[in-house]
Amino acid sequence: MVISALLSSSIFFSSCIGSFTLCNKLLSWNHTVGDQFINEMVFVGFCIIQVYSVAWLADALIFNAIEFWTGENPVVEGTIKKVSNENGHFTITAEQEGYRVEKEGSDEVVNFRYNQENKVWSLEANEETIPLFQFTGEKEVVMFLPEGKAIPATLDNAGVLAFKQALNHIYYAAL
């Protein structure tokens, strides 16, 4: 009788919160970008521009619900993600050299591209390419700020701090 009660009650202890596949894929990708300092810079940048928050929200409200009702998570199936915020609905497509972001109902397209030859992440929009940062050595990176300033940083704690301060300056200046 005790065993029957335990087996019957196990249904109450199972979880249906989902696998958070999008968040896990994003974090797994972040671990493969480079060494620990590069990974930290990408992580901090994604935190500031709310990439992780949007991924978590999409998993919590959309993808995990689909996984619960259908048994399959759409993030696992393909490379296309749909994201919505106060600025509209966006489709994000993972491509071999980066990401393509399209605003639904508009011709607006933004590409985040990684040039492996030059080791540069850049933003492509309106037929313009804007470099974001470049890996210049095993322990060095150059960050390109919107006003055109290039800031060299080492891939250590001091470089990560310089990166955070530069991003915070830009973020607060935009407010």
Foldseek 3Di string as FASTA:
>chain_A
DVVVVVVVCVVVVDDLQADLVQLVVVLVVLPVLADPLSSLLVVLVCVLVVVNVQSSCCSRPPQSVCCSVPVDGVVVVFQWDWTADPVAIWIWGADPFFIWIDGPPDPWIKTFGADPVFQWTWIDTPNDIGTAKHADDNFKIWGADPVGDIDIAGSDPRRSVVSNVVVVVVVVVVD
